[in-house]
Protein backbone atom coordinates (compact mmCIF):
# COMPACT_ATOMS: atom_id res chain seq x y z
CA MET A 1 89.86 124.00 91.36
CA THR A 2 93.65 124.13 91.00
CA ASP A 3 95.77 121.38 89.44
CA LEU A 4 96.78 120.24 92.98
CA VAL A 5 93.16 119.47 94.10
CA PRO A 6 91.94 116.15 92.78
CA ALA A 7 88.24 115.45 92.48
CA LEU A 8 87.41 113.74 95.71
CA PRO A 9 84.25 112.36 97.13
CA TYR A 10 82.76 113.76 100.38
CA GLY A 11 84.95 112.33 103.20
CA ARG A 12 84.28 110.98 106.59
CA VAL A 13 85.86 112.36 109.76
CA LEU A 14 88.21 109.78 111.20
CA GLU A 15 89.81 109.47 114.58
CA VAL A 16 93.48 110.60 114.76
CA VAL A 17 95.83 108.16 116.39
CA ARG A 18 98.33 109.36 118.91
CA ALA A 19 101.97 108.47 119.67
CA PRO A 20 103.17 105.82 120.52
CA ALA A 21 100.83 104.03 118.05
CA ALA A 22 103.01 101.68 116.01
CA VAL A 23 101.56 102.93 112.69
CA LEU A 24 103.19 106.31 113.32
CA SER A 25 106.69 104.78 113.36
CA GLN A 26 106.40 102.53 110.26
CA PRO A 27 107.02 103.65 106.70
CA GLY A 28 103.87 103.90 104.70
CA LEU A 29 103.46 101.81 101.63
CA ALA A 30 103.44 103.37 98.09
CA VAL A 31 99.84 103.35 96.86
CA ASP A 32 98.03 103.10 93.59
CA PRO A 33 96.53 106.56 93.14
CA SER A 34 93.61 105.26 91.06
CA ASP A 35 92.53 102.78 93.72
CA PRO A 36 89.03 103.88 94.95
CA ALA A 37 89.99 103.03 98.54
CA ILE A 38 92.96 105.52 98.32
CA VAL A 39 90.76 108.17 96.76
CA GLU A 40 88.27 107.68 99.64
CA LEU A 41 91.10 107.81 102.21
CA CYS A 42 92.33 111.10 100.82
CA ALA A 43 88.78 112.53 101.07
CA ASP A 44 88.65 111.35 104.67
CA LEU A 45 91.97 113.00 105.40
CA VAL A 46 90.67 116.29 104.03
CA ALA A 47 87.46 116.04 105.97
CA THR A 48 89.26 115.23 109.16
CA MET A 49 91.77 118.09 108.67
CA ARG A 50 89.02 120.46 108.00
CA VAL A 51 87.13 119.85 111.29
CA SER A 52 90.35 119.89 113.42
CA PRO A 53 91.05 123.42 114.74
CA GLY A 54 94.47 124.76 113.76
CA CYS A 55 95.31 121.74 111.59
CA VAL A 56 97.10 122.46 108.31
CA GLY A 57 97.96 118.97 107.35
CA LEU A 58 97.17 115.29 107.95
CA ALA A 59 98.74 112.03 106.73
CA ALA A 60 97.31 108.55 106.44
CA PRO A 61 99.46 107.10 109.23
CA GLN A 62 97.73 109.62 111.55
CA VAL A 63 94.35 107.91 110.92
CA GLY A 64 95.90 104.49 111.31
CA VAL A 65 96.65 103.66 107.71
CA ALA A 66 100.27 102.88 106.80
CA ALA A 67 100.13 104.51 103.33
CA GLN A 68 101.81 107.45 101.53
CA ALA A 69 98.95 109.82 101.25
CA PHE A 70 98.44 113.17 102.86
CA CYS A 71 96.80 116.59 102.58
CA VAL A 72 98.02 120.10 103.38
CA ASP A 73 96.30 123.49 103.31
CA VAL A 74 98.05 126.54 104.80
CA SER A 75 95.55 129.07 103.21
CA GLY A 76 95.19 132.07 105.37
CA HIS A 77 97.80 130.94 108.00
CA PRO A 78 99.71 134.00 109.30
CA LYS A 79 103.11 132.25 108.78
CA ALA A 80 102.43 131.19 105.18
CA ARG A 81 104.11 133.10 102.35
CA THR A 82 103.42 130.82 99.48
CA GLN A 83 100.00 129.23 99.48
CA HIS A 84 98.93 126.62 96.90
CA GLY A 85 95.62 126.01 98.67
CA LEU A 86 94.52 122.46 99.26
CA ILE A 87 97.18 120.00 98.28
CA VAL A 88 96.38 116.25 98.28
CA LEU A 89 99.18 113.95 97.27
CA VAL A 90 100.15 110.30 97.26
CA ASN A 91 103.63 108.78 96.91
CA ALA A 92 105.27 112.24 97.44
CA VAL A 93 108.91 112.79 97.85
CA VAL A 94 111.16 115.78 98.46
CA ALA A 95 113.07 116.32 95.22
CA GLU A 96 115.04 119.43 96.18
CA SER A 97 115.51 121.39 99.38
CA SER A 98 117.57 124.27 100.63
CA ARG A 99 117.98 127.02 103.29
CA ASN A 100 117.33 125.23 106.53
CA GLU A 101 115.73 127.02 109.38
CA ARG A 102 114.60 125.98 112.90
CA ALA A 103 111.09 126.60 113.95
CA ARG A 104 108.36 125.33 116.26
CA GLU A 105 106.10 122.50 115.14
CA GLY A 106 103.15 120.68 116.64
CA CYS A 107 101.23 117.64 115.64
CA MET A 108 97.71 116.25 116.17
CA SER A 109 99.33 112.83 116.96
CA VAL A 110 101.40 114.36 119.76
CA PRO A 111 98.97 116.96 121.08
CA GLU A 112 100.64 117.79 124.33
CA LEU A 113 104.02 118.71 122.94
CA THR A 114 105.68 121.00 120.35
CA GLY A 115 109.25 120.98 119.18
CA ASP A 116 111.95 123.05 117.51
CA VAL A 117 112.61 121.35 114.19
CA LYS A 118 115.14 122.25 111.46
CA ARG A 119 113.68 122.02 108.01
CA ALA A 120 114.23 123.36 104.52
CA THR A 121 112.62 126.68 103.81
CA LYS A 122 112.69 126.21 99.99
CA LEU A 123 111.34 122.94 98.64
CA THR A 124 110.39 120.99 95.54
CA VAL A 125 108.10 118.02 96.00
CA HIS A 126 107.07 115.45 93.44
CA GLY A 127 103.89 113.39 93.91
CA GLN A 128 100.83 112.02 92.33
CA LEU A 129 97.14 113.13 92.49
CA PRO A 130 94.75 110.55 93.88
CA GLY A 131 92.20 109.47 91.32
CA THR A 132 93.99 110.35 88.11
CA GLY A 133 97.59 109.53 89.18
CA ALA A 134 98.74 112.64 87.43
CA SER A 135 102.29 113.66 88.40
CA VAL A 136 102.69 117.03 89.94
CA GLU A 137 105.72 119.13 91.02
CA ILE A 138 105.25 121.77 93.79
CA HIS A 139 107.80 124.59 94.36
CA THR A 140 107.21 126.29 97.69
CA ASP A 141 108.80 127.97 100.63
CA ALA A 142 108.43 128.99 104.26
CA PHE A 143 105.56 127.56 106.29
CA GLU A 144 104.00 125.60 103.37
CA ALA A 145 107.37 123.90 102.79
CA ARG A 146 107.50 123.08 106.43
CA ALA A 147 103.99 121.55 106.45
CA LEU A 148 104.77 119.41 103.35
CA GLN A 149 107.93 118.07 104.94
CA HIS A 150 106.06 117.27 108.18
CA GLU A 151 103.41 115.19 106.33
CA ILE A 152 105.98 113.46 104.09
CA ASP A 153 107.75 112.48 107.35
CA HIS A 154 104.61 110.87 108.68
CA CYS A 155 104.38 108.85 105.42
CA SER A 156 107.98 107.71 106.11
CA GLY A 157 107.25 106.67 109.70
CA LYS A 158 108.74 109.79 111.43
CA LEU A 159 107.28 112.26 113.84
CA PHE A 160 108.55 115.77 114.46
CA LEU A 161 109.96 114.45 117.69
CA ASP A 162 112.39 112.26 115.66
CA ARG A 163 113.88 115.48 114.21
CA VAL A 164 114.32 117.65 117.24
CA ALA A 165 117.94 118.34 118.40
CA GLY A 166 117.42 116.99 121.96
CA ALA A 167 115.20 117.21 125.04
CA HIS A 168 115.90 120.97 125.25
CA ALA A 169 113.97 121.41 121.96
CA ILE A 170 110.75 119.83 123.18
CA HIS A 171 108.13 121.98 124.85
CA THR A 172 104.75 121.49 126.52
CA ARG A 173 102.07 122.86 124.19
CA GLN A 174 100.59 126.16 125.34
CA VAL A 175 96.86 126.39 125.42
CA TYR A 176 95.63 129.95 125.04
CA LEU A 177 92.25 130.75 126.49
CA ASP A 178 89.73 132.98 124.82
CA PRO A 179 88.98 136.07 126.98
CA ARG A 180 85.40 134.72 127.19
CA GLY A 181 86.71 131.54 128.87
CA ALA A 182 86.51 129.21 125.82
CA GLN A 183 89.55 127.40 124.47
């Protein structure tokens, strides 16, 4: 267990809400990291992320809770350079960012679209661990930096669609079929 993985109970798989659900556009409230309900919510986020194919992050607003809590895990993702493993944070903020780059993003709350979003490729995030409330600082880059910014945006009431340069930067999600016919 790394210092970024709090001790969490076994979580439940929750339903992911989709845009235009109001909870996705309202800023989440700061939370008490030691509140048992927040610890349980974080466990539920991890469980839901783990059963969702291709998902590398999930925030509380995506399961209908207007709170500043999220999880990210880019382990093994082909676009990830730096990989801290499972990251579960509450009340996280971007402390420093640099070197912006445009790349394609998708989201479980907007499953039919992707978009070209400009985000920092080098990032420092400050947050707290659920359960203990311990403060952590994460220095990362590339795909993990993008994933963290995406989830922090959810906690602030923003979708990736709020960050695209215009309609020309929004695309219909491609679905690739397995040669055996399965998706």
